PDB file of N, CA and C in Angstrom:
ATOM      1  N   MET A   1      10.175 -99.884  68.048  1.00  0.00           N
ATOM      2  CA  MET A   1       9.471 -98.792  68.637  1.00  0.00           C
ATOM      3  C   MET A   1      10.379 -98.071  69.627  1.00  0.00           C
ATOM      4  N   ILE A   2      10.128 -96.836  69.830  1.00  0.00           N
ATOM      5  CA  ILE A   2      10.993 -96.014  70.664  1.00  0.00           C
ATOM      6  C   ILE A   2      10.672 -96.244  72.134  1.00  0.00           C
ATOM      7  N   LYS A   3      11.695 -96.574  72.898  1.00  0.00           N
ATOM      8  CA  LYS A   3      11.556 -96.774  74.340  1.00  0.00           C
ATOM      9  C   LYS A   3      12.395 -95.709  75.030  1.00  0.00           C
ATOM     10  N   SER A   4      11.779 -94.588  75.290  1.00  0.00           N
ATOM     11  CA  SER A   4      12.502 -93.520  75.972  1.00  0.00           C
ATOM     12  C   SER A   4      11.507 -92.743  76.822  1.00  0.00           C
ATOM     13  N   GLY A   5      12.020 -91.822  77.591  1.00  0.00           N
ATOM     14  CA  GLY A   5      11.166 -91.019  78.433  1.00  0.00           C
ATOM     15  C   GLY A   5      10.480 -89.892  77.675  1.00  0.00           C
ATOM     16  N   VAL A   6      10.782 -89.746  76.404  1.00  0.00           N
ATOM     17  CA  VAL A   6      10.232 -88.657  75.603  1.00  0.00           C
ATOM     18  C   VAL A   6       8.922 -89.115  74.961  1.00  0.00           C
ATOM     19  N   ASN A   7       7.873 -88.330  75.145  1.00  0.00           N
ATOM     20  CA  ASN A   7       6.583 -88.637  74.539  1.00  0.00           C
ATOM     21  C   ASN A   7       6.470 -87.867  73.222  1.00  0.00           C
ATOM     22  N   TYR A   8       6.963 -88.490  72.147  1.00  0.00           N
ATOM     23  CA  TYR A   8       6.987 -87.822  70.847  1.00  0.00           C
ATOM     24  C   TYR A   8       5.584 -87.521  70.335  1.00  0.00           C
ATOM     25  N   ARG A   9       4.638 -88.406  70.623  1.00  0.00           N
ATOM     26  CA  ARG A   9       3.266 -88.183  70.177  1.00  0.00           C
ATOM     27  C   ARG A   9       2.741 -86.854  70.749  1.00  0.00           C
ATOM     28  N   LEU A  10       2.947 -86.640  72.028  1.00  0.00           N
ATOM     29  CA  LEU A  10       2.486 -85.417  72.681  1.00  0.00           C
ATOM     30  C   LEU A  10       3.198 -84.180  72.116  1.00  0.00           C
ATOM     31  N   ILE A  11       4.478 -84.303  71.883  1.00  0.00           N
ATOM     32  CA  ILE A  11       5.252 -83.187  71.309  1.00  0.00           C
ATOM     33  C   ILE A  11       4.698 -82.803  69.944  1.00  0.00           C
ATOM     34  N   PHE A  12       4.514 -83.816  69.059  1.00  0.00           N
ATOM     35  CA  PHE A  12       4.013 -83.516  67.719  1.00  0.00           C
ATOM     36  C   PHE A  12       2.574 -83.017  67.749  1.00  0.00           C
ATOM     37  N   GLU A  13       1.744 -83.558  68.635  1.00  0.00           N
ATOM     38  CA  GLU A  13       0.368 -83.072  68.743  1.00  0.00           C
ATOM     39  C   GLU A  13       0.341 -81.607  69.192  1.00  0.00           C
ATOM     40  N   ASP A  14       1.207 -81.251  70.132  1.00  0.00           N
ATOM     41  CA  ASP A  14       1.285 -79.851  70.576  1.00  0.00           C
ATOM     42  C   ASP A  14       1.750 -78.932  69.443  1.00  0.00           C
ATOM     43  N   ILE A  15       2.752 -79.366  68.703  1.00  0.00           N
ATOM     44  CA  ILE A  15       3.248 -78.565  67.574  1.00  0.00           C
ATOM     45  C   ILE A  15       2.138 -78.356  66.554  1.00  0.00           C
ATOM     46  N   LEU A  16       1.418 -79.444  66.244  1.00  0.00           N
ATOM     47  CA  LEU A  16       0.335 -79.340  65.270  1.00  0.00           C
ATOM     48  C   LEU A  16      -0.789 -78.441  65.778  1.00  0.00           C
ATOM     49  N   GLU A  17      -1.131 -78.581  67.028  1.00  0.00           N
ATOM     50  CA  GLU A  17      -2.216 -77.790  67.614  1.00  0.00           C
ATOM     51  C   GLU A  17      -1.881 -76.295  67.645  1.00  0.00           C
ATOM     52  N   LYS A  18      -0.661 -75.967  68.036  1.00  0.00           N
ATOM     53  CA  LYS A  18      -0.298 -74.565  68.251  1.00  0.00           C
ATOM     54  C   LYS A  18       0.235 -73.845  67.012  1.00  0.00           C
ATOM     55  N   LYS A  19       0.980 -74.563  66.163  1.00  0.00           N
ATOM     56  CA  LYS A  19       1.634 -73.870  65.051  1.00  0.00           C
ATOM     57  C   LYS A  19       1.143 -74.282  63.665  1.00  0.00           C
ATOM     58  N   TYR A  20       0.747 -75.550  63.505  1.00  0.00           N
ATOM     59  CA  TYR A  20       0.376 -76.046  62.176  1.00  0.00           C
ATOM     60  C   TYR A  20      -0.950 -76.806  62.196  1.00  0.00           C
ATOM     61  N   PRO A  21      -2.039 -76.185  62.639  1.00  0.00           N
ATOM     62  CA  PRO A  21      -3.313 -76.912  62.701  1.00  0.00           C
ATOM     63  C   PRO A  21      -3.786 -77.405  61.326  1.00  0.00           C
ATOM     64  N   GLU A  22      -3.367 -76.735  60.256  1.00  0.00           N
ATOM     65  CA  GLU A  22      -3.772 -77.143  58.913  1.00  0.00           C
ATOM     66  C   GLU A  22      -3.123 -78.462  58.480  1.00  0.00           C
ATOM     67  N   LYS A  23      -2.067 -78.887  59.155  1.00  0.00           N
ATOM     68  CA  LYS A  23      -1.370 -80.131  58.796  1.00  0.00           C
ATOM     69  C   LYS A  23      -1.764 -81.301  59.695  1.00  0.00           C
ATOM     70  N   LYS A  24      -2.670 -81.049  60.631  1.00  0.00           N
ATOM     71  CA  LYS A  24      -3.047 -82.068  61.612  1.00  0.00           C
ATOM     72  C   LYS A  24      -3.664 -83.305  60.947  1.00  0.00           C
ATOM     73  N   GLU A  25      -4.559 -83.078  60.001  1.00  0.00           N
ATOM     74  CA  GLU A  25      -5.230 -84.205  59.337  1.00  0.00           C
ATOM     75  C   GLU A  25      -4.238 -85.057  58.557  1.00  0.00           C
ATOM     76  N   LYS A  26      -3.240 -84.426  57.952  1.00  0.00           N
ATOM     77  CA  LYS A  26      -2.237 -85.131  57.160  1.00  0.00           C
ATOM     78  C   LYS A  26      -1.388 -86.071  58.032  1.00  0.00           C
ATOM     79  N   CYS A  27      -1.270 -85.769  59.315  1.00  0.00           N
ATOM     80  CA  CYS A  27      -0.420 -86.535  60.233  1.00  0.00           C
ATOM     81  C   CYS A  27      -1.212 -87.507  61.116  1.00  0.00           C
ATOM     82  N   GLN A  28      -2.527 -87.470  61.026  1.00  0.00           N
ATOM     83  CA  GLN A  28      -3.366 -88.235  61.933  1.00  0.00           C
ATOM     84  C   GLN A  28      -3.118 -89.740  61.857  1.00  0.00           C
ATOM     85  N   ARG A  29      -2.887 -90.281  60.663  1.00  0.00           N
ATOM     86  CA  ARG A  29      -2.673 -91.727  60.501  1.00  0.00           C
ATOM     87  C   ARG A  29      -1.480 -92.197  61.322  1.00  0.00           C
ATOM     88  N   ILE A  30      -0.413 -91.444  61.304  1.00  0.00           N
ATOM     89  CA  ILE A  30       0.788 -91.830  62.049  1.00  0.00           C
ATOM     90  C   ILE A  30       0.560 -91.647  63.547  1.00  0.00           C
ATOM     91  N   LEU A  31      -0.037 -90.538  63.925  1.00  0.00           N
ATOM     92  CA  LEU A  31      -0.256 -90.254  65.343  1.00  0.00           C
ATOM     93  C   LEU A  31      -1.244 -91.225  65.988  1.00  0.00           C
ATOM     94  N   ALA A  32      -2.061 -91.897  65.194  1.00  0.00           N
ATOM     95  CA  ALA A  32      -3.041 -92.851  65.724  1.00  0.00           C
ATOM     96  C   ALA A  32      -2.410 -94.194  66.085  1.00  0.00           C
ATOM     97  N   LYS A  33      -1.173 -94.418  65.697  1.00  0.00           N
ATOM     98  CA  LYS A  33      -0.500 -95.686  66.004  1.00  0.00           C
ATOM     99  C   LYS A  33      -0.292 -95.830  67.511  1.00  0.00           C
ATOM    100  N   ASP A  34      -0.240 -97.087  67.958  1.00  0.00           N
ATOM    101  CA  ASP A  34      -0.016 -97.359  69.384  1.00  0.00           C
ATOM    102  C   ASP A  34       1.340 -96.851  69.849  1.00  0.00           C
ATOM    103  N   SER A  35       2.359 -97.104  69.040  1.00  0.00           N
ATOM    104  CA  SER A  35       3.693 -96.605  69.379  1.00  0.00           C
ATOM    105  C   SER A  35       4.362 -96.104  68.109  1.00  0.00           C
ATOM    106  N   LEU A  36       5.199 -95.094  68.276  1.00  0.00           N
ATOM    107  CA  LEU A  36       5.874 -94.474  67.136  1.00  0.00           C
ATOM    108  C   LEU A  36       7.294 -95.014  67.011  1.00  0.00           C
ATOM    109  N   SER A  37       7.661 -95.382  65.803  1.00  0.00           N
ATOM    110  CA  SER A  37       9.025 -95.818  65.538  1.00  0.00           C
ATOM    111  C   SER A  37       9.858 -94.613  65.128  1.00  0.00           C
ATOM    112  N   VAL A  38      11.145 -94.804  65.019  1.00  0.00           N
ATOM    113  CA  VAL A  38      12.032 -93.740  64.559  1.00  0.00           C
ATOM    114  C   VAL A  38      11.614 -93.297  63.156  1.00  0.00           C
ATOM    115  N   LEU A  39      11.221 -94.253  62.330  1.00  0.00           N
ATOM    116  CA  LEU A  39      10.804 -93.922  60.968  1.00  0.00           C
ATOM    117  C   LEU A  39       9.524 -93.091  60.968  1.00  0.00           C
ATOM    118  N   ASP A  40       8.609 -93.378  61.900  1.00  0.00           N
ATOM    119  CA  ASP A  40       7.389 -92.572  62.021  1.00  0.00           C
ATOM    120  C   ASP A  40       7.731 -91.130  62.400  1.00  0.00           C
ATOM    121  N   ILE A  41       8.666 -90.977  63.303  1.00  0.00           N
ATOM    122  CA  ILE A  41       9.059 -89.642  63.751  1.00  0.00           C
ATOM    123  C   ILE A  41       9.702 -88.859  62.611  1.00  0.00           C
ATOM    124  N   ILE A  42      10.532 -89.521  61.830  1.00  0.00           N
ATOM    125  CA  ILE A  42      11.154 -88.870  60.678  1.00  0.00           C
ATOM    126  C   ILE A  42      10.077 -88.440  59.682  1.00  0.00           C
ATOM    127  N   GLU A  43       9.103 -89.330  59.430  1.00  0.00           N
ATOM    128  CA  GLU A  43       8.032 -89.001  58.491  1.00  0.00           C
ATOM    129  C   GLU A  43       7.178 -87.831  58.991  1.00  0.00           C
ATOM    130  N   LEU A  44       6.849 -87.835  60.281  1.00  0.00           N
ATOM    131  CA  LEU A  44       6.094 -86.716  60.857  1.00  0.00           C
ATOM    132  C   LEU A  44       6.855 -85.401  60.705  1.00  0.00           C
ATOM    133  N   ASN A  45       8.137 -85.463  60.974  1.00  0.00           N
ATOM    134  CA  ASN A  45       8.975 -84.273  60.853  1.00  0.00           C
ATOM    135  C   ASN A  45       8.928 -83.719  59.429  1.00  0.00           C
ATOM    136  N   LYS A  46       9.002 -84.601  58.437  1.00  0.00           N
ATOM    137  CA  LYS A  46       8.944 -84.170  57.038  1.00  0.00           C
ATOM    138  C   LYS A  46       7.583 -83.566  56.708  1.00  0.00           C
ATOM    139  N   LYS A  47       6.507 -84.206  57.184  1.00  0.00           N
ATOM    140  CA  LYS A  47       5.163 -83.724  56.859  1.00  0.00           C
ATOM    141  C   LYS A  47       4.872 -82.369  57.503  1.00  0.00           C
ATOM    142  N   ILE A  48       5.372 -82.168  58.697  1.00  0.00           N
ATOM    143  CA  ILE A  48       5.074 -80.922  59.409  1.00  0.00           C
ATOM    144  C   ILE A  48       5.972 -79.783  58.944  1.00  0.00           C
ATOM    145  N   PHE A  49       7.266 -80.023  58.909  1.00  0.00           N
ATOM    146  CA  PHE A  49       8.216 -78.932  58.656  1.00  0.00           C
ATOM    147  C   PHE A  49       8.680 -78.844  57.209  1.00  0.00           C
ATOM    148  N   GLY A  50       8.358 -79.840  56.392  1.00  0.00           N
ATOM    149  CA  GLY A  50       8.732 -79.813  54.984  1.00  0.00           C
ATOM    150  C   GLY A  50      10.212 -80.061  54.781  1.00  0.00           C
ATOM    151  N   PRO A  51      10.680 -79.837  53.559  1.00  0.00           N
ATOM    152  CA  PRO A  51      12.090 -80.084  53.265  1.00  0.00           C
ATOM    153  C   PRO A  51      12.996 -79.101  54.004  1.00  0.00           C
ATOM    154  N   MET A  52      14.164 -79.611  54.396  1.00  0.00           N
ATOM    155  CA  MET A  52      15.136 -78.773  55.099  1.00  0.00           C
ATOM    156  C   MET A  52      16.211 -78.314  54.124  1.00  0.00           C
ATOM    157  N   ASP A  53      16.904 -77.258  54.503  1.00  0.00           N
ATOM    158  CA  ASP A  53      18.047 -76.868  53.688  1.00  0.00           C
ATOM    159  C   ASP A  53      19.165 -77.886  53.915  1.00  0.00           C
ATOM    160  N   LYS A  54      20.135 -77.906  53.046  1.00  0.00           N
ATOM    161  CA  LYS A  54      21.182 -78.936  53.082  1.00  0.00           C
ATOM    162  C   LYS A  54      21.976 -78.933  54.384  1.00  0.00           C
ATOM    163  N   GLU A  55      22.283 -77.772  54.877  1.00  0.00           N
ATOM    164  CA  GLU A  55      23.095 -77.674  56.095  1.00  0.00           C
ATOM    165  C   GLU A  55      22.339 -78.246  57.300  1.00  0.00           C
ATOM    166  N   THR A  56      21.086 -77.894  57.454  1.00  0.00           N
ATOM    167  CA  THR A  56      20.271 -78.412  58.557  1.00  0.00           C
ATOM    168  C   THR A  56      20.088 -79.915  58.424  1.00  0.00           C
ATOM    169  N   ASP A  57      19.827 -80.358  57.206  1.00  0.00           N
ATOM    170  CA  ASP A  57      19.633 -81.784  56.954  1.00  0.00           C
ATOM    171  C   ASP A  57      20.899 -82.569  57.306  1.00  0.00           C
ATOM    172  N   ARG A  58      22.049 -82.067  56.918  1.00  0.00           N
ATOM    173  CA  ARG A  58      23.318 -82.740  57.213  1.00  0.00           C
ATOM    174  C   ARG A  58      23.561 -82.799  58.722  1.00  0.00           C
ATOM    175  N   PHE A  59      23.273 -81.704  59.422  1.00  0.00           N
ATOM    176  CA  PHE A  59      23.438 -81.674  60.874  1.00  0.00           C
ATOM    177  C   PHE A  59      22.508 -82.687  61.547  1.00  0.00           C
ATOM    178  N   ASP A  60      21.233 -82.683  61.152  1.00  0.00           N
ATOM    179  CA  ASP A  60      20.266 -83.606  61.742  1.00  0.00           C
ATOM    180  C   ASP A  60      20.657 -85.053  61.486  1.00  0.00           C
ATOM    181  N   GLN A  61      21.100 -85.338  60.270  1.00  0.00           N
ATOM    182  CA  GLN A  61      21.462 -86.715  59.929  1.00  0.00           C
ATOM    183  C   GLN A  61      22.649 -87.199  60.755  1.00  0.00           C
ATOM    184  N   SER A  62      23.589 -86.324  61.029  1.00  0.00           N
ATOM    185  CA  SER A  62      24.762 -86.744  61.788  1.00  0.00           C
ATOM    186  C   SER A  62      24.435 -87.013  63.254  1.00  0.00           C
ATOM    187  N   HIS A  63      23.257 -86.570  63.705  1.00  0.00           N
ATOM    188  CA  HIS A  63      22.870 -86.775  65.096  1.00  0.00           C
ATOM    189  C   HIS A  63      21.756 -87.796  65.274  1.00  0.00           C
ATOM    190  N   ARG A  64      21.422 -88.516  64.205  1.00  0.00           N
ATOM    191  CA  ARG A  64      20.403 -89.554  64.310  1.00  0.00           C
ATOM    192  C   ARG A  64      21.034 -90.832  64.815  1.00  0.00           C
ATOM    193  N   SER A  65      20.241 -91.571  65.551  1.00  0.00           N
ATOM    194  CA  SER A  65      20.686 -92.907  65.946  1.00  0.00           C
ATOM    195  C   SER A  65      19.522 -93.852  65.730  1.00  0.00           C
ATOM    196  N   TYR A  66      19.830 -95.074  65.415  1.00  0.00           N
ATOM    197  CA  TYR A  66      18.820 -96.065  65.087  1.00  0.00           C
ATOM    198  C   TYR A  66      18.952 -97.248  66.037  1.00  0.00           C
ATOM    199  N   ASN A  67      17.825 -97.673  66.598  1.00  0.00           N
ATOM    200  CA  ASN A  67      17.852 -98.872  67.431  1.00  0.00           C
ATOM    201  C   ASN A  67      17.646-100.095  66.542  1.00  0.00           C
ATOM    202  N   GLN A  68      17.756-101.257  67.120  1.00  0.00           N
ATOM    203  CA  GLN A  68      17.673-102.490  66.341  1.00  0.00           C
ATOM    204  C   GLN A  68      16.339-102.596  65.607  1.00  0.00           C
ATOM    205  N   SER A  69      15.271-102.221  66.260  1.00  0.00           N
ATOM    206  CA  SER A  69      13.944-102.283  65.653  1.00  0.00           C
ATOM    207  C   SER A  69      13.872-101.407  64.401  1.00  0.00           C
ATOM    208  N   SER A  70      14.408-100.197  64.483  1.00  0.00           N
ATOM    209  CA  SER A  70      14.393 -99.279  63.340  1.00  0.00           C
ATOM    210  C   SER A  70      15.268 -99.793  62.203  1.00  0.00           C
ATOM    211  N   ILE A  71      16.408-100.332  62.561  1.00  0.00           N
ATOM    212  CA  ILE A  71      17.310-100.885  61.544  1.00  0.00           C
ATOM    213  C   ILE A  71      16.616-102.020  60.805  1.00  0.00           C
ATOM    214  N   LEU A  72      15.962-102.895  61.544  1.00  0.00           N
ATOM    215  CA  LEU A  72      15.264-104.018  60.916  1.00  0.00           C
ATOM    216  C   LEU A  72      14.108-103.535  60.040  1.00  0.00           C
ATOM    217  N   GLN A  73      13.441-102.452  60.438  1.00  0.00           N
ATOM    218  CA  GLN A  73      12.385-101.879  59.602  1.00  0.00           C
ATOM    219  C   GLN A  73      12.962-101.348  58.286  1.00  0.00           C
ATOM    220  N   ILE A  74      14.097-100.707  58.365  1.00  0.00           N
ATOM    221  CA  ILE A  74      14.741-100.191  57.152  1.00  0.00           C
ATOM    222  C   ILE A  74      15.148-101.349  56.243  1.00  0.00           C
ATOM    223  N   LEU A  75      15.713-102.391  56.818  1.00  0.00           N
ATOM    224  CA  LEU A  75      16.124-103.546  56.016  1.00  0.00           C
ATOM    225  C   LEU A  75      14.908-104.277  55.440  1.00  0.00           C
ATOM    226  N   ASP A  76      13.806-104.324  56.173  1.00  0.00           N
ATOM    227  CA  ASP A  76      12.566-104.911  55.641  1.00  0.00           C
ATOM    228  C   ASP A  76      12.029-104.075  54.491  1.00  0.00           C
ATOM    229  N   PHE A  77      12.121-102.752  54.620  1.00  0.00           N
ATOM    230  CA  PHE A  77      11.705-101.841  53.555  1.00  0.00           C
ATOM    231  C   PHE A  77      12.518-102.134  52.287  1.00  0.00           C
ATOM    232  N   GLN A  78      13.806-102.362  52.485  1.00  0.00           N
ATOM    233  CA  GLN A  78      14.681-102.670  51.349  1.00  0.00           C
ATOM    234  C   GLN A  78      14.227-103.947  50.651  1.00  0.00           C
ATOM    235  N   LYS A  79      13.953-104.976  51.447  1.00  0.00           N
ATOM    236  CA  LYS A  79      13.499-106.252  50.863  1.00  0.00           C
ATOM    237  C   LYS A  79      12.159-106.094  50.160  1.00  0.00           C
ATOM    238  N   LEU A  80      11.223-105.442  50.830  1.00  0.00           N
ATOM    239  CA  LEU A  80       9.875-105.281  50.306  1.00  0.00           C
ATOM    240  C   LEU A  80       9.870-104.582  48.956  1.00  0.00           C
ATOM    241  N   HIS A  81      10.710-103.565  48.820  1.00  0.00           N
ATOM    242  CA  HIS A  81      10.754-102.772  47.594  1.00  0.00           C
ATOM    243  C   HIS A  81      11.876-103.195  46.646  1.00  0.00           C
ATOM    244  N   ASN A  82      12.583-104.272  47.031  1.00  0.00           N
ATOM    245  CA  ASN A  82      13.648-104.828  46.188  1.00  0.00           C
ATOM    246  C   ASN A  82      14.657-103.746  45.779  1.00  0.00           C
ATOM    247  N   LEU A  83      15.217-103.064  46.773  1.00  0.00           N
ATOM    248  CA  LEU A  83      16.144-101.960  46.530  1.00  0.00           C
ATOM    249  C   LEU A  83      17.583-102.377  46.814  1.00  0.00           C
ATOM    250  N   SER A  84      18.500-101.737  46.145  1.00  0.00           N
ATOM    251  CA  SER A  84      19.922-101.953  46.417  1.00  0.00           C
ATOM    252  C   SER A  84      20.311-101.170  47.674  1.00  0.00           C
ATOM    253  N   ASN A  85      21.511-101.455  48.194  1.00  0.00           N
ATOM    254  CA  ASN A  85      21.995-100.704  49.360  1.00  0.00           C
ATOM    255  C   ASN A  85      22.072 -99.210  49.063  1.00  0.00           C
ATOM    256  N   SER A  86      22.508 -98.863  47.868  1.00  0.00           N
ATOM    257  CA  SER A  86      22.622 -97.447  47.489  1.00  0.00           C
ATOM    258  C   SER A  86      21.259 -96.765  47.447  1.00  0.00           C
ATOM    259  N   GLN A  87      20.259 -97.469  46.918  1.00  0.00           N
ATOM    260  CA  GLN A  87      18.920 -96.893  46.834  1.00  0.00           C
ATOM    261  C   GLN A  87      18.319 -96.670  48.222  1.00  0.00           C
ATOM    262  N   VAL A  88      18.504 -97.639  49.115  1.00  0.00           N
ATOM    263  CA  VAL A  88      17.995 -97.511  50.482  1.00  0.00           C
ATOM    264  C   VAL A  88      18.729 -96.373  51.190  1.00  0.00           C
ATOM    265  N   ALA A  89      20.024 -96.306  50.990  1.00  0.00           N
ATOM    266  CA  ALA A  89      20.825 -95.258  51.621  1.00  0.00           C
ATOM    267  C   ALA A  89      20.343 -93.879  51.183  1.00  0.00           C
ATOM    268  N   ARG A  90      20.069 -93.702  49.905  1.00  0.00           N
ATOM    269  CA  ARG A  90      19.568 -92.410  49.413  1.00  0.00           C
ATOM    270  C   ARG A  90      18.184 -92.099  49.990  1.00  0.00           C
ATOM    271  N   HIS A  91      17.329 -93.122  50.041  1.00  0.00           N
ATOM    272  CA  HIS A  91      15.963 -92.915  50.526  1.00  0.00           C
ATOM    273  C   HIS A  91      15.945 -92.449  51.988  1.00  0.00           C
ATOM    274  N   PHE A  92      16.765 -93.087  52.832  1.00  0.00           N
ATOM    275  CA  PHE A  92      16.787 -92.760  54.253  1.00  0.00           C
ATOM    276  C   PHE A  92      17.931 -91.819  54.632  1.00  0.00           C
ATOM    277  N   LYS A  93      18.659 -91.331  53.624  1.00  0.00           N
ATOM    278  CA  LYS A  93      19.784 -90.411  53.836  1.00  0.00           C
ATOM    279  C   LYS A  93      20.823 -91.020  54.776  1.00  0.00           C
ATOM    280  N   LEU A  94      21.262 -92.203  54.403  1.00  0.00           N
ATOM    281  CA  LEU A  94      22.286 -92.940  55.140  1.00  0.00           C
ATOM    282  C   LEU A  94      23.478 -93.154  54.227  1.00  0.00           C
ATOM    283  N   SER A  95      24.533 -93.674  54.780  1.00  0.00           N
ATOM    284  CA  SER A  95      25.668 -94.107  53.988  1.00  0.00           C
ATOM    285  C   SER A  95      25.378 -95.529  53.494  1.00  0.00           C
ATOM    286  N   ARG A  96      25.773 -95.821  52.264  1.00  0.00           N
ATOM    287  CA  ARG A  96      25.562 -97.192  51.770  1.00  0.00           C
ATOM    288  C   ARG A  96      26.407 -98.171  52.561  1.00  0.00           C
ATOM    289  N   HIS A  97      27.516 -97.687  53.119  1.00  0.00           N
ATOM    290  CA  HIS A  97      28.356 -98.541  53.965  1.00  0.00           C
ATOM    291  C   HIS A  97      27.625 -98.888  55.262  1.00  0.00           C
ATOM    292  N   THR A  98      26.847 -97.961  55.772  1.00  0.00           N
ATOM    293  CA  THR A  98      26.053 -98.222  56.977  1.00  0.00           C
ATOM    294  C   THR A  98      25.028 -99.310  56.695  1.00  0.00           C
ATOM    295  N   VAL A  99      24.355 -99.220  55.562  1.00  0.00           N
ATOM    296  CA  VAL A  99      23.358-100.231  55.198  1.00  0.00           C
ATOM    297  C   VAL A  99      24.030-101.596  55.067  1.00  0.00           C
ATOM    298  N   ALA A 100      25.176-101.653  54.414  1.00  0.00           N
ATOM    299  CA  ALA A 100      25.898-102.915  54.258  1.00  0.00           C
ATOM    300  C   ALA A 100      26.323-103.477  55.619  1.00  0.00           C
ATOM    301  N   LYS A 101      26.779-102.601  56.494  1.00  0.00           N
ATOM    302  CA  LYS A 101      27.188-103.022  57.835  1.00  0.00           C
ATOM    303  C   LYS A 101      26.002-103.586  58.611  1.00  0.00           C
ATOM    304  N   TRP A 102      24.852-102.941  58.508  1.00  0.00           N
ATOM    305  CA  TRP A 102      23.650-103.434  59.183  1.00  0.00           C
ATOM    306  C   TRP A 102      23.246-104.807  58.628  1.00  0.00           C
ATOM    307  N   LYS A 103      23.305-104.938  57.301  1.00  0.00           N
ATOM    308  CA  LYS A 103      22.920-106.228  56.710  1.00  0.00           C
ATOM    309  C   LYS A 103      23.857-107.334  57.183  1.00  0.00           C
ATOM    310  N   LYS A 104      25.127-107.018  57.290  1.00  0.00           N
ATOM    311  CA  LYS A 104      26.090-108.009  57.750  1.00  0.00           C
ATOM    312  C   LYS A 104      25.855-108.345  59.230  1.00  0.00           C
ATOM    313  N   ARG A 105      25.605-107.335  60.041  1.00  0.00           N
ATOM    314  CA  ARG A 105      25.404-107.528  61.475  1.00  0.00           C
ATOM    315  C   ARG A 105      24.136-108.331  61.754  1.00  0.00           C
ATOM    316  N   TYR A 106      23.053-108.020  61.020  1.00  0.00           N
ATOM    317  CA  TYR A 106      21.778-108.679  61.276  1.00  0.00           C
ATOM    318  C   TYR A 106      21.519-109.824  60.304  1.00  0.00           C
ATOM    319  N   GLN A 107      22.494-110.133  59.478  1.00  0.00           N
ATOM    320  CA  GLN A 107      22.477-111.246  58.536  1.00  0.00           C
ATOM    321  C   GLN A 107      21.153-111.359  57.782  1.00  0.00           C
ATOM    322  N   VAL A 108      20.812-110.262  57.138  1.00  0.00           N
ATOM    323  CA  VAL A 108      19.571-110.218  56.379  1.00  0.00           C
ATOM    324  C   VAL A 108      19.845-110.595  54.954  1.00  0.00           C
TER     325      VAL A 108
END
């Protein structure tokens, strides 16, 4: 879960209220959680703003950072769905080398 001074729930609720009220119901399940993970924030971003162009997506991806909790969630997702490193990397838009490095570091 995200431990920072930023209240992402409030930010997304304001965005939905002011600019995208028609998408509020689609995001309610995630916003109802006690705490939002990095993966929840990524999912909310996709649901609200839709697909990005390649240049924006590449820029955003290069500025993402993952905490240990998020990394473990991604690795659990991989196990749960029985995916290869390449498949997980494509799904979360990561490098397959990053996934391999995480698996080695956290010995999953």
